[in-house]
Amino acid sequence: MQLLRSSRWILLALVFTLIPLSSHAQVVISVGFAPPALPVYVQPLPPSPDMMWTPGYWAWDPNQADYYWVPGAWVAAPRPGLLWTPGYWGWSGGRYFFHDGYWGPHIGYYGGVNYGFGYGGIGFGGGEWRGGHFFYNTAVIHVDHNDRRFGGYVFEDRARVDRGFVARDSHVAFSGGPGGIRHDPGPEERIAERDHHENKSPFQQSHEQAAHADRSAFSKSNGGHPAHAVAERPQGGQNHAVPAAHNTPAAHNTPASHPGGASHSAPTSHAAPQSHVVPATRPAPQSHAAPQSHGNPASHAAPQSHGNPASHAAPQSHAAPASHSTSKPEPRHK
């Protein structure tokens, strides 16, 4: 009888550890060492109006015990008015946990990580929805001004971009822990947590699956410098994206290899400390060593793989938008 009672308590404890902390969250992957630094790349021009930029990120494959790069991509929002809050790696108890991105009416907490192109660590400075159309901030997002479809759907506000930086020149891909971004969620980020959230669209899921199928996307193969840093075609919406420039990875130290280990599921939460910002523009690539910690990675959640990520990005880091417009180029990380 006592054994049965003990078993019940153990089962209850396991159930509670798997309950997400927010409505859109899912059980996340736990890894024993940090993801590589964010690569430098140039953002391709928006392929058509109302497309949303979703930054590239490092995902995890427990079978390979390795990180793989999911390229940045232009994505069709599920519906007008929704914004994309990027996922991020947070740190807790000596391990790294991935918190998935989501769609919502406001930008939530993403660890202060500087993904660039308007995602400097706090909020999003790359544009806003107005009356069913998305207006691009050309201080950080460059559009083809010869494409009449964008006529009038642009503005320029550099101050908005500058206010969103947590760690302007950082390529660090995780929040909290040794060497991680330091940023606690602010009032607006906490408010956004109470919004109704939607998970990745089918296009985004397919995109991630394609990245997983690309063996060159894994950090053990590319040393932290993926050949395809951005996607060539948009995910959903019109299929006439401008091909990305050939990617020339910036100089980074090759991440040390780590032994594969076990990983543990943990509840996702969008309020982990940290932040790192990347201004948008085409500055010269900087070399950054990919932060890492030891520990045996592992995870109970197998990452999805997505369509072959095509893209050839010119050197530029997570926060450097390609300057393809007549607007003034912005120094990527400065």
C-alpha atoms as a PDB file:
ATOM      1  CA  MET A   1       0.000   0.000   0.000  1.00  0.00           C
ATOM      2  CA  GLN A   2       2.787   2.382   0.907  1.00  0.00           C
ATOM      3  CA  LEU A   3       4.507   1.528  -2.363  1.00  0.00           C
ATOM      4  CA  LEU A   4       1.339   2.391  -4.302  1.00  0.00           C
ATOM      5  CA  ARG A   5       1.070   5.771  -2.584  1.00  0.00           C
ATOM      6  CA  SER A   6       4.696   6.543  -3.342  1.00  0.00           C
ATOM      7  CA  SER A   7       4.168   5.619  -6.983  1.00  0.00           C
ATOM      8  CA  ARG A   8       1.200   7.982  -7.221  1.00  0.00           C
ATOM      9  CA  TRP A   9       3.239  10.903  -5.879  1.00  0.00           C
ATOM     10  CA  ILE A  10       6.030  10.169  -8.349  1.00  0.00           C
ATOM     11  CA  LEU A  11       3.559  10.095 -11.263  1.00  0.00           C
ATOM     12  CA  LEU A  12       1.984  13.381 -10.131  1.00  0.00           C
ATOM     13  CA  ALA A  13       5.413  15.001  -9.877  1.00  0.00           C
ATOM     14  CA  LEU A  14       6.269  13.887 -13.415  1.00  0.00           C
ATOM     15  CA  VAL A  15       3.001  15.269 -14.775  1.00  0.00           C
ATOM     16  CA  PHE A  16       3.556  18.673 -13.191  1.00  0.00           C
ATOM     17  CA  THR A  17       7.086  18.947 -14.538  1.00  0.00           C
ATOM     18  CA  LEU A  18       5.712  18.572 -18.071  1.00  0.00           C
ATOM     19  CA  ILE A  19       2.999  21.234 -17.792  1.00  0.00           C
ATOM     20  CA  PRO A  20       3.914  24.302 -19.879  1.00  0.00           C
ATOM     21  CA  LEU A  21       4.034  27.674 -18.164  1.00  0.00           C
ATOM     22  CA  SER A  22       2.156  29.526 -20.894  1.00  0.00           C
ATOM     23  CA  SER A  23      -0.752  28.737 -23.178  1.00  0.00           C
ATOM     24  CA  HIS A  24       1.260  28.349 -26.374  1.00  0.00           C
ATOM     25  CA  ALA A  25       4.277  26.673 -24.820  1.00  0.00           C
ATOM     26  CA  GLN A  26       5.269  23.074 -25.299  1.00  0.00           C
ATOM     27  CA  VAL A  27       7.676  20.793 -23.498  1.00  0.00           C
ATOM     28  CA  VAL A  28      11.119  22.003 -24.458  1.00  0.00           C
ATOM     29  CA  ILE A  29      14.475  20.395 -25.072  1.00  0.00           C
ATOM     30  CA  SER A  30      17.202  20.480 -22.453  1.00  0.00           C
ATOM     31  CA  VAL A  31      20.849  20.466 -23.553  1.00  0.00           C
ATOM     32  CA  GLY A  32      24.047  20.411 -21.523  1.00  0.00           C
ATOM     33  CA  PHE A  33      26.073  22.853 -23.612  1.00  0.00           C
ATOM     34  CA  ALA A  34      25.314  26.202 -25.216  1.00  0.00           C
ATOM     35  CA  PRO A  35      24.366  26.717 -28.884  1.00  0.00           C
ATOM     36  CA  PRO A  36      26.978  28.220 -31.239  1.00  0.00           C
ATOM     37  CA  ALA A  37      27.093  31.955 -31.906  1.00  0.00           C
ATOM     38  CA  LEU A  38      24.516  33.377 -34.291  1.00  0.00           C
ATOM     39  CA  PRO A  39      25.972  33.450 -37.827  1.00  0.00           C
ATOM     40  CA  VAL A  40      26.372  36.639 -39.835  1.00  0.00           C
ATOM     41  CA  TYR A  41      24.179  36.985 -42.904  1.00  0.00           C
ATOM     42  CA  VAL A  42      22.381  39.456 -45.144  1.00  0.00           C
ATOM     43  CA  GLN A  43      18.605  39.600 -45.037  1.00  0.00           C
ATOM     44  CA  PRO A  44      16.978  39.143 -48.470  1.00  0.00           C
ATOM     45  CA  LEU A  45      14.452  41.726 -49.664  1.00  0.00           C
ATOM     46  CA  PRO A  46      10.817  41.105 -48.710  1.00  0.00           C
ATOM     47  CA  PRO A  47       9.399  39.023 -51.596  1.00  0.00           C
ATOM     48  CA  SER A  48       5.928  40.573 -51.389  1.00  0.00           C
ATOM     49  CA  PRO A  49       3.948  42.900 -49.115  1.00  0.00           C
ATOM     50  CA  ASP A  50       2.751  41.802 -45.665  1.00  0.00           C
ATOM     51  CA  MET A  51       5.389  39.062 -45.289  1.00  0.00           C
ATOM     52  CA  MET A  52       6.986  38.765 -41.839  1.00  0.00           C
ATOM     53  CA  TRP A  53      10.669  38.144 -41.131  1.00  0.00           C
ATOM     54  CA  THR A  54      11.384  35.179 -38.833  1.00  0.00           C
ATOM     55  CA  PRO A  55      15.030  35.105 -37.659  1.00  0.00           C
ATOM     56  CA  GLY A  56      17.195  32.013 -38.049  1.00  0.00           C
ATOM     57  CA  TYR A  57      17.965  29.978 -34.922  1.00  0.00           C
ATOM     58  CA  TRP A  58      19.807  26.907 -33.675  1.00  0.00           C
ATOM     59  CA  ALA A  59      17.572  23.853 -33.147  1.00  0.00           C
ATOM     60  CA  TRP A  60      18.601  20.592 -31.477  1.00  0.00           C
ATOM     61  CA  ASP A  61      18.698  16.988 -32.688  1.00  0.00           C
ATOM     62  CA  PRO A  62      18.964  14.538 -29.747  1.00  0.00           C
ATOM     63  CA  ASN A  63      19.887  11.635 -32.025  1.00  0.00           C
ATOM     64  CA  GLN A  64      22.874  13.486 -33.444  1.00  0.00           C
ATOM     65  CA  ALA A  65      23.526  15.258 -30.115  1.00  0.00           C
ATOM     66  CA  ASP A  66      24.125  18.377 -32.168  1.00  0.00           C
ATOM     67  CA  TYR A  67      22.658  21.775 -33.007  1.00  0.00           C
ATOM     68  CA  TYR A  68      21.476  22.499 -36.545  1.00  0.00           C
ATOM     69  CA  TRP A  69      20.687  25.879 -38.103  1.00  0.00           C
ATOM     70  CA  VAL A  70      17.151  26.754 -39.201  1.00  0.00           C
ATOM     71  CA  PRO A  71      17.588  29.580 -41.761  1.00  0.00           C
ATOM     72  CA  GLY A  72      15.925  32.954 -41.385  1.00  0.00           C
ATOM     73  CA  ALA A  73      12.926  33.240 -43.689  1.00  0.00           C
ATOM     74  CA  TRP A  74      10.122  35.493 -44.877  1.00  0.00           C
ATOM     75  CA  VAL A  75       6.872  33.943 -43.700  1.00  0.00           C
ATOM     76  CA  ALA A  76       3.206  34.684 -44.300  1.00  0.00           C
ATOM     77  CA  ALA A  77       1.528  35.568 -40.999  1.00  0.00           C
ATOM     78  CA  PRO A  78      -1.460  33.339 -40.124  1.00  0.00           C
ATOM     79  CA  ARG A  79      -3.581  36.493 -40.507  1.00  0.00           C
ATOM     80  CA  PRO A  80      -3.131  40.282 -40.529  1.00  0.00           C
ATOM     81  CA  GLY A  81      -2.246  41.826 -37.190  1.00  0.00           C
ATOM     82  CA  LEU A  82      -0.157  38.945 -35.858  1.00  0.00           C
ATOM     83  CA  LEU A  83       3.544  39.377 -35.028  1.00  0.00           C
ATOM     84  CA  TRP A  84       6.240  36.739 -34.567  1.00  0.00           C
ATOM     85  CA  THR A  85       8.037  36.411 -31.221  1.00  0.00           C
ATOM     86  CA  PRO A  86      11.216  34.374 -31.890  1.00  0.00           C
ATOM     87  CA  GLY A  87      12.098  31.321 -29.848  1.00  0.00           C
ATOM     88  CA  TYR A  88      15.233  31.411 -27.703  1.00  0.00           C
ATOM     89  CA  TRP A  89      17.577  29.266 -25.653  1.00  0.00           C
ATOM     90  CA  GLY A  90      17.439  30.008 -21.932  1.00  0.00           C
ATOM     91  CA  TRP A  91      19.597  28.684 -19.109  1.00  0.00           C
ATOM     92  CA  SER A  92      18.501  27.119 -15.833  1.00  0.00           C
ATOM     93  CA  GLY A  93      20.107  24.745 -13.369  1.00  0.00           C
ATOM     94  CA  GLY A  94      23.187  24.212 -15.484  1.00  0.00           C
ATOM     95  CA  ARG A  95      21.301  23.295 -18.664  1.00  0.00           C
ATOM     96  CA  TYR A  96      19.967  25.094 -21.758  1.00  0.00           C
ATOM     97  CA  PHE A  97      16.266  24.986 -22.562  1.00  0.00           C
ATOM     98  CA  PHE A  98      14.618  26.047 -25.816  1.00  0.00           C
ATOM     99  CA  HIS A  99      11.469  28.168 -25.607  1.00  0.00           C
ATOM    100  CA  ASP A 100       9.497  28.001 -28.839  1.00  0.00           C
ATOM    101  CA  GLY A 101       8.461  31.074 -30.812  1.00  0.00           C
ATOM    102  CA  TYR A 102       4.828  32.015 -31.372  1.00  0.00           C
ATOM    103  CA  TRP A 103       2.408  34.352 -33.153  1.00  0.00           C
ATOM    104  CA  GLY A 104       0.454  36.971 -31.229  1.00  0.00           C
ATOM    105  CA  PRO A 105      -0.809  40.570 -31.338  1.00  0.00           C
ATOM    106  CA  HIS A 106       2.268  41.796 -29.440  1.00  0.00           C
ATOM    107  CA  ILE A 107       5.937  40.820 -29.263  1.00  0.00           C
ATOM    108  CA  GLY A 108       6.704  38.875 -26.098  1.00  0.00           C
ATOM    109  CA  TYR A 109       9.893  37.944 -24.290  1.00  0.00           C
ATOM    110  CA  TYR A 110      12.651  36.236 -26.286  1.00  0.00           C
ATOM    111  CA  GLY A 111      15.502  36.415 -23.817  1.00  0.00           C
ATOM    112  CA  GLY A 112      17.015  39.677 -25.009  1.00  0.00           C
ATOM    113  CA  VAL A 113      18.786  37.768 -27.783  1.00  0.00           C
ATOM    114  CA  ASN A 114      19.848  40.049 -30.627  1.00  0.00           C
ATOM    115  CA  TYR A 115      18.625  38.326 -33.788  1.00  0.00           C
ATOM    116  CA  GLY A 116      18.903  41.524 -35.800  1.00  0.00           C
ATOM    117  CA  PHE A 117      16.646  43.032 -38.449  1.00  0.00           C
ATOM    118  CA  GLY A 118      14.478  44.730 -35.845  1.00  0.00           C
ATOM    119  CA  TYR A 119      14.777  41.971 -33.227  1.00  0.00           C
ATOM    120  CA  GLY A 120      17.375  43.620 -31.002  1.00  0.00           C
ATOM    121  CA  GLY A 121      16.392  41.800 -27.821  1.00  0.00           C
ATOM    122  CA  ILE A 122      13.284  43.754 -26.791  1.00  0.00           C
ATOM    123  CA  GLY A 123      10.223  44.001 -29.013  1.00  0.00           C
ATOM    124  CA  PHE A 124      10.420  44.434 -32.774  1.00  0.00           C
ATOM    125  CA  GLY A 125      11.480  47.604 -34.581  1.00  0.00           C
ATOM    126  CA  GLY A 126      11.124  46.309 -38.149  1.00  0.00           C
ATOM    127  CA  GLY A 127       7.587  47.510 -38.764  1.00  0.00           C
ATOM    128  CA  GLU A 128       3.947  47.412 -37.690  1.00  0.00           C
ATOM    129  CA  TRP A 129       0.464  46.511 -38.883  1.00  0.00           C
ATOM    130  CA  ARG A 130      -1.801  49.387 -39.935  1.00  0.00           C
ATOM    131  CA  GLY A 131      -5.301  48.751 -41.239  1.00  0.00           C
ATOM    132  CA  GLY A 132      -4.655  45.242 -42.499  1.00  0.00           C
ATOM    133  CA  HIS A 133      -1.278  46.009 -44.145  1.00  0.00           C
ATOM    134  CA  PHE A 134       2.217  45.660 -42.761  1.00  0.00           C
ATOM    135  CA  PHE A 135       4.357  48.814 -42.938  1.00  0.00           C
ATOM    136  CA  TYR A 136       8.129  48.193 -43.073  1.00  0.00           C
ATOM    137  CA  ASN A 137      10.590  50.339 -41.120  1.00  0.00           C
ATOM    138  CA  THR A 138      13.270  51.036 -43.729  1.00  0.00           C
ATOM    139  CA  ALA A 139      15.724  51.989 -40.987  1.00  0.00           C
ATOM    140  CA  VAL A 140      16.258  48.275 -40.573  1.00  0.00           C
ATOM    141  CA  ILE A 141      14.280  46.427 -43.283  1.00  0.00           C
ATOM    142  CA  HIS A 142      15.176  47.200 -46.886  1.00  0.00           C
ATOM    143  CA  VAL A 143      12.550  46.898 -49.596  1.00  0.00           C
ATOM    144  CA  ASP A 144      12.625  47.148 -53.375  1.00  0.00           C
ATOM    145  CA  HIS A 145      11.329  50.665 -53.978  1.00  0.00           C
ATOM    146  CA  ASN A 146      10.868  49.833 -57.656  1.00  0.00           C
ATOM    147  CA  ASP A 147       8.250  47.270 -56.697  1.00  0.00           C
ATOM    148  CA  ARG A 148       5.010  49.240 -56.760  1.00  0.00           C
ATOM    149  CA  ARG A 149       3.320  46.738 -54.479  1.00  0.00           C
ATOM    150  CA  PHE A 150       5.214  48.294 -51.561  1.00  0.00           C
ATOM    151  CA  GLY A 151       4.088  51.808 -52.461  1.00  0.00           C
ATOM    152  CA  GLY A 152       3.235  53.728 -49.288  1.00  0.00           C
ATOM    153  CA  TYR A 153       3.730  50.742 -46.991  1.00  0.00           C
ATOM    154  CA  VAL A 154       7.023  51.966 -45.584  1.00  0.00           C
ATOM    155  CA  PHE A 155       8.287  54.428 -42.975  1.00  0.00           C
ATOM    156  CA  GLU A 156      11.622  55.200 -41.312  1.00  0.00           C
ATOM    157  CA  ASP A 157      12.160  55.319 -37.550  1.00  0.00           C
ATOM    158  CA  ARG A 158      15.699  54.571 -36.435  1.00  0.00           C
ATOM    159  CA  ALA A 159      15.004  55.549 -32.814  1.00  0.00           C
ATOM    160  CA  ARG A 160      12.550  52.655 -32.504  1.00  0.00           C
ATOM    161  CA  VAL A 161      15.258  50.237 -33.579  1.00  0.00           C
ATOM    162  CA  ASP A 162      17.810  51.692 -31.162  1.00  0.00           C
ATOM    163  CA  ARG A 163      15.423  51.402 -28.216  1.00  0.00           C
ATOM    164  CA  GLY A 164      15.134  47.654 -28.757  1.00  0.00           C
ATOM    165  CA  PHE A 165      18.777  46.732 -28.239  1.00  0.00           C
ATOM    166  CA  VAL A 166      19.899  44.795 -25.198  1.00  0.00           C
ATOM    167  CA  ALA A 167      23.389  43.794 -26.358  1.00  0.00           C
ATOM    168  CA  ARG A 168      23.980  45.627 -29.601  1.00  0.00           C
ATOM    169  CA  ASP A 169      27.066  43.859 -30.928  1.00  0.00           C
ATOM    170  CA  SER A 170      26.396  40.434 -29.463  1.00  0.00           C
ATOM    171  CA  HIS A 171      26.149  37.227 -31.461  1.00  0.00           C
ATOM    172  CA  VAL A 172      25.355  35.185 -28.344  1.00  0.00           C
ATOM    173  CA  ALA A 173      22.501  32.798 -29.109  1.00  0.00           C
ATOM    174  CA  PHE A 174      21.235  32.184 -25.569  1.00  0.00           C
ATOM    175  CA  SER A 175      19.915  33.968 -22.499  1.00  0.00           C
ATOM    176  CA  GLY A 176      21.219  33.527 -18.975  1.00  0.00           C
ATOM    177  CA  GLY A 177      24.029  31.356 -17.662  1.00  0.00           C
ATOM    178  CA  PRO A 178      27.773  31.790 -18.222  1.00  0.00           C
ATOM    179  CA  GLY A 179      28.364  34.181 -21.093  1.00  0.00           C
ATOM    180  CA  GLY A 180      24.654  34.512 -21.865  1.00  0.00           C
ATOM    181  CA  ILE A 181      22.544  37.612 -22.462  1.00  0.00           C
ATOM    182  CA  ARG A 182      21.323  39.366 -19.334  1.00  0.00           C
ATOM    183  CA  HIS A 183      17.779  40.639 -19.673  1.00  0.00           C
ATOM    184  CA  ASP A 184      14.743  40.149 -17.444  1.00  0.00           C
ATOM    185  CA  PRO A 185      11.285  40.577 -18.982  1.00  0.00           C
ATOM    186  CA  GLY A 186       9.913  44.119 -18.859  1.00  0.00           C
ATOM    187  CA  PRO A 187       6.284  45.199 -18.281  1.00  0.00           C
ATOM    188  CA  GLU A 188       5.315  45.071 -21.972  1.00  0.00           C
ATOM    189  CA  GLU A 189       6.874  41.650 -22.400  1.00  0.00           C
ATOM    190  CA  ARG A 190       4.961  40.372 -19.370  1.00  0.00           C
ATOM    191  CA  ILE A 191       1.700  41.802 -20.707  1.00  0.00           C
ATOM    192  CA  ALA A 192       2.288  40.059 -24.045  1.00  0.00           C
ATOM    193  CA  GLU A 193       2.430  36.748 -22.166  1.00  0.00           C
ATOM    194  CA  ARG A 194      -1.287  37.083 -21.431  1.00  0.00           C
ATOM    195  CA  ASP A 195      -2.189  37.382 -25.125  1.00  0.00           C
ATOM    196  CA  HIS A 196      -3.670  34.516 -27.090  1.00  0.00           C
ATOM    197  CA  HIS A 197      -0.745  32.856 -28.871  1.00  0.00           C
ATOM    198  CA  GLU A 198      -0.512  30.625 -31.921  1.00  0.00           C
ATOM    199  CA  ASN A 199       2.248  28.130 -32.603  1.00  0.00           C
ATOM    200  CA  LYS A 200       4.372  27.879 -35.754  1.00  0.00           C
ATOM    201  CA  SER A 201       2.433  27.741 -38.989  1.00  0.00           C
ATOM    202  CA  PRO A 202       2.565  24.590 -41.161  1.00  0.00           C
ATOM    203  CA  PHE A 203       4.944  26.493 -43.465  1.00  0.00           C
ATOM    204  CA  GLN A 204       7.327  27.145 -40.577  1.00  0.00           C
ATOM    205  CA  GLN A 205       7.163  23.540 -39.424  1.00  0.00           C
ATOM    206  CA  SER A 206       7.954  22.343 -42.938  1.00  0.00           C
ATOM    207  CA  HIS A 207      10.819  24.837 -43.102  1.00  0.00           C
ATOM    208  CA  GLU A 208      12.348  23.472 -39.901  1.00  0.00           C
ATOM    209  CA  GLN A 209      11.997  19.899 -41.137  1.00  0.00           C
ATOM    210  CA  ALA A 210      13.849  20.826 -44.323  1.00  0.00           C
ATOM    211  CA  ALA A 211      16.666  22.361 -42.278  1.00  0.00           C
ATOM    212  CA  HIS A 212      16.911  19.178 -40.222  1.00  0.00           C
ATOM    213  CA  ALA A 213      17.231  17.132 -43.419  1.00  0.00           C
ATOM    214  CA  ASP A 214      20.198  19.259 -44.553  1.00  0.00           C
ATOM    215  CA  ARG A 215      23.305  17.603 -43.105  1.00  0.00           C
ATOM    216  CA  SER A 216      25.362  20.723 -43.772  1.00  0.00           C
ATOM    217  CA  ALA A 217      23.139  22.614 -41.297  1.00  0.00           C
ATOM    218  CA  PHE A 218      24.630  20.754 -38.311  1.00  0.00           C
ATOM    219  CA  SER A 219      27.266  22.573 -36.300  1.00  0.00           C
ATOM    220  CA  LYS A 220      29.621  19.573 -36.237  1.00  0.00           C
ATOM    221  CA  SER A 221      29.692  19.767 -40.038  1.00  0.00           C
ATOM    222  CA  ASN A 222      29.835  23.521 -40.496  1.00  0.00           C
ATOM    223  CA  GLY A 223      31.738  24.616 -37.389  1.00  0.00           C
ATOM    224  CA  GLY A 224      28.982  27.083 -36.544  1.00  0.00           C
ATOM    225  CA  HIS A 225      28.926  28.642 -40.031  1.00  0.00           C
ATOM    226  CA  PRO A 226      25.932  27.232 -41.932  1.00  0.00           C
ATOM    227  CA  ALA A 227      26.153  27.461 -45.718  1.00  0.00           C
ATOM    228  CA  HIS A 228      22.466  28.345 -45.936  1.00  0.00           C
ATOM    229  CA  ALA A 229      21.872  31.063 -43.375  1.00  0.00           C
ATOM    230  CA  VAL A 230      18.651  32.351 -44.956  1.00  0.00           C
ATOM    231  CA  ALA A 231      15.895  30.728 -47.005  1.00  0.00           C
ATOM    232  CA  GLU A 232      15.759  31.442 -50.728  1.00  0.00           C
ATOM    233  CA  ARG A 233      11.960  31.359 -50.989  1.00  0.00           C
ATOM    234  CA  PRO A 234       9.252  32.647 -48.657  1.00  0.00           C
ATOM    235  CA  GLN A 235       7.353  30.208 -46.467  1.00  0.00           C
ATOM    236  CA  GLY A 236       3.744  30.528 -47.549  1.00  0.00           C
ATOM    237  CA  GLY A 237       2.288  33.493 -49.414  1.00  0.00           C
ATOM    238  CA  GLN A 238       3.469  34.293 -52.908  1.00  0.00           C
ATOM    239  CA  ASN A 239       6.239  32.141 -54.277  1.00  0.00           C
ATOM    240  CA  HIS A 240       8.451  34.700 -55.925  1.00  0.00           C
ATOM    241  CA  ALA A 241      10.996  35.518 -53.276  1.00  0.00           C
ATOM    242  CA  VAL A 242      14.165  37.294 -54.225  1.00  0.00           C
ATOM    243  CA  PRO A 243      16.986  34.765 -53.931  1.00  0.00           C
ATOM    244  CA  ALA A 244      19.294  35.406 -51.033  1.00  0.00           C
ATOM    245  CA  ALA A 245      22.845  36.447 -51.727  1.00  0.00           C
ATOM    246  CA  HIS A 246      25.421  33.689 -51.447  1.00  0.00           C
ATOM    247  CA  ASN A 247      26.275  33.255 -47.817  1.00  0.00           C
ATOM    248  CA  THR A 248      29.815  33.841 -46.737  1.00  0.00           C
ATOM    249  CA  PRO A 249      29.992  33.046 -43.072  1.00  0.00           C
ATOM    250  CA  ALA A 250      31.680  35.509 -40.805  1.00  0.00           C
ATOM    251  CA  ALA A 251      34.776  34.502 -38.939  1.00  0.00           C
ATOM    252  CA  HIS A 252      33.866  32.613 -35.797  1.00  0.00           C
ATOM    253  CA  ASN A 253      35.738  30.186 -33.678  1.00  0.00           C
ATOM    254  CA  THR A 254      34.733  26.652 -34.409  1.00  0.00           C
ATOM    255  CA  PRO A 255      32.658  25.419 -31.524  1.00  0.00           C
ATOM    256  CA  ALA A 256      34.209  22.684 -29.498  1.00  0.00           C
ATOM    257  CA  SER A 257      32.648  19.307 -29.903  1.00  0.00           C
ATOM    258  CA  HIS A 258      30.736  17.941 -26.964  1.00  0.00           C
ATOM    259  CA  PRO A 259      29.850  14.428 -26.062  1.00  0.00           C
ATOM    260  CA  GLY A 260      26.253  13.517 -26.585  1.00  0.00           C
ATOM    261  CA  GLY A 261      24.311  13.172 -23.423  1.00  0.00           C
ATOM    262  CA  ALA A 262      20.861  12.871 -22.103  1.00  0.00           C
ATOM    263  CA  SER A 263      18.445  15.665 -22.204  1.00  0.00           C
ATOM    264  CA  HIS A 264      15.451  16.414 -20.102  1.00  0.00           C
ATOM    265  CA  SER A 265      12.099  17.909 -20.898  1.00  0.00           C
ATOM    266  CA  ALA A 266      11.278  21.080 -19.107  1.00  0.00           C
ATOM    267  CA  PRO A 267       8.417  23.495 -19.152  1.00  0.00           C
ATOM    268  CA  THR A 268       8.755  26.326 -21.574  1.00  0.00           C
ATOM    269  CA  SER A 269       8.579  29.844 -20.434  1.00  0.00           C
ATOM    270  CA  HIS A 270       9.237  33.112 -22.150  1.00  0.00           C
ATOM    271  CA  ALA A 271      10.733  34.849 -19.218  1.00  0.00           C
ATOM    272  CA  ALA A 272      14.289  33.769 -18.949  1.00  0.00           C
ATOM    273  CA  PRO A 273      17.036  36.279 -18.280  1.00  0.00           C
ATOM    274  CA  GLN A 274      19.165  37.634 -21.091  1.00  0.00           C
ATOM    275  CA  SER A 275      19.369  39.422 -24.300  1.00  0.00           C
ATOM    276  CA  HIS A 276      21.469  40.134 -27.279  1.00  0.00           C
ATOM    277  CA  VAL A 277      20.739  42.533 -30.018  1.00  0.00           C
ATOM    278  CA  VAL A 278      21.841  42.818 -33.549  1.00  0.00           C
ATOM    279  CA  PRO A 279      21.273  46.007 -35.490  1.00  0.00           C
ATOM    280  CA  ALA A 280      20.295  45.626 -39.066  1.00  0.00           C
ATOM    281  CA  THR A 281      22.493  46.545 -42.002  1.00  0.00           C
ATOM    282  CA  ARG A 282      25.361  45.213 -43.933  1.00  0.00           C
ATOM    283  CA  PRO A 283      28.402  45.799 -41.753  1.00  0.00           C
ATOM    284  CA  ALA A 284      31.509  43.782 -42.078  1.00  0.00           C
ATOM    285  CA  PRO A 285      31.295  40.432 -40.343  1.00  0.00           C
ATOM    286  CA  GLN A 286      32.803  40.158 -36.909  1.00  0.00           C
ATOM    287  CA  SER A 287      34.282  37.093 -35.419  1.00  0.00           C
ATOM    288  CA  HIS A 288      32.615  35.685 -32.366  1.00  0.00           C
ATOM    289  CA  ALA A 289      33.369  32.527 -30.574  1.00  0.00           C
ATOM    290  CA  ALA A 290      30.365  30.342 -30.075  1.00  0.00           C
ATOM    291  CA  PRO A 291      29.668  30.127 -26.347  1.00  0.00           C
ATOM    292  CA  GLN A 292      29.541  26.660 -24.980  1.00  0.00           C
ATOM    293  CA  SER A 293      29.318  24.863 -21.798  1.00  0.00           C
ATOM    294  CA  HIS A 294      29.966  21.312 -20.961  1.00  0.00           C
ATOM    295  CA  GLY A 295      27.428  18.812 -20.131  1.00  0.00           C
ATOM    296  CA  ASN A 296      25.833  16.022 -21.946  1.00  0.00           C
ATOM    297  CA  PRO A 297      23.029  17.267 -24.115  1.00  0.00           C
ATOM    298  CA  ALA A 298      19.964  15.284 -24.559  1.00  0.00           C
ATOM    299  CA  SER A 299      16.360  15.815 -24.944  1.00  0.00           C
ATOM    300  CA  HIS A 300      13.072  14.098 -24.906  1.00  0.00           C
ATOM    301  CA  ALA A 301      11.669  16.229 -27.682  1.00  0.00           C
ATOM    302  CA  ALA A 302      12.872  15.394 -31.138  1.00  0.00           C
ATOM    303  CA  PRO A 303      13.228  18.493 -33.268  1.00  0.00           C
ATOM    304  CA  GLN A 304      11.322  18.676 -36.496  1.00  0.00           C
ATOM    305  CA  SER A 305      12.975  18.871 -39.781  1.00  0.00           C
ATOM    306  CA  HIS A 306      11.855  21.052 -42.617  1.00  0.00           C
ATOM    307  CA  GLY A 307      12.229  21.659 -46.255  1.00  0.00           C
ATOM    308  CA  ASN A 308      15.630  22.202 -47.669  1.00  0.00           C
ATOM    309  CA  PRO A 309      16.693  25.626 -46.554  1.00  0.00           C
ATOM    310  CA  ALA A 310      17.924  27.378 -49.595  1.00  0.00           C
ATOM    311  CA  SER A 311      19.799  30.542 -49.318  1.00  0.00           C
ATOM    312  CA  HIS A 312      23.033  32.146 -50.002  1.00  0.00           C
ATOM    313  CA  ALA A 313      23.595  34.908 -47.586  1.00  0.00           C
ATOM    314  CA  ALA A 314      26.374  37.380 -47.743  1.00  0.00           C
ATOM    315  CA  PRO A 315      28.372  37.941 -44.614  1.00  0.00           C
ATOM    316  CA  GLN A 316      26.322  39.449 -41.968  1.00  0.00           C
ATOM    317  CA  SER A 317      25.190  38.551 -38.630  1.00  0.00           C
ATOM    318  CA  HIS A 318      21.887  37.743 -37.088  1.00  0.00           C
ATOM    319  CA  ALA A 319      21.289  41.409 -36.868  1.00  0.00           C
ATOM    320  CA  ALA A 320      22.424  42.679 -40.194  1.00  0.00           C
ATOM    321  CA  PRO A 321      19.800  43.422 -42.801  1.00  0.00           C
ATOM    322  CA  ALA A 322      20.856  43.485 -46.380  1.00  0.00           C
ATOM    323  CA  SER A 323      20.972  46.963 -47.698  1.00  0.00           C
ATOM    324  CA  HIS A 324      18.987  46.643 -50.873  1.00  0.00           C
ATOM    325  CA  SER A 325      17.177  49.891 -50.778  1.00  0.00           C
ATOM    326  CA  THR A 326      17.674  53.544 -51.135  1.00  0.00           C
ATOM    327  CA  SER A 327      17.378  54.030 -47.405  1.00  0.00           C
ATOM    328  CA  LYS A 328      20.542  54.580 -45.422  1.00  0.00           C
ATOM    329  CA  PRO A 329      22.292  51.409 -44.427  1.00  0.00           C
ATOM    330  CA  GLU A 330      22.376  50.801 -40.724  1.00  0.00           C
ATOM    331  CA  PRO A 331      25.494  49.509 -39.022  1.00  0.00           C
ATOM    332  CA  ARG A 332      24.605  45.967 -38.186  1.00  0.00           C
ATOM    333  CA  HIS A 333      25.956  45.628 -34.745  1.00  0.00           C
ATOM    334  CA  LYS A 334      26.940  49.060 -33.748  1.00  0.00           C
END
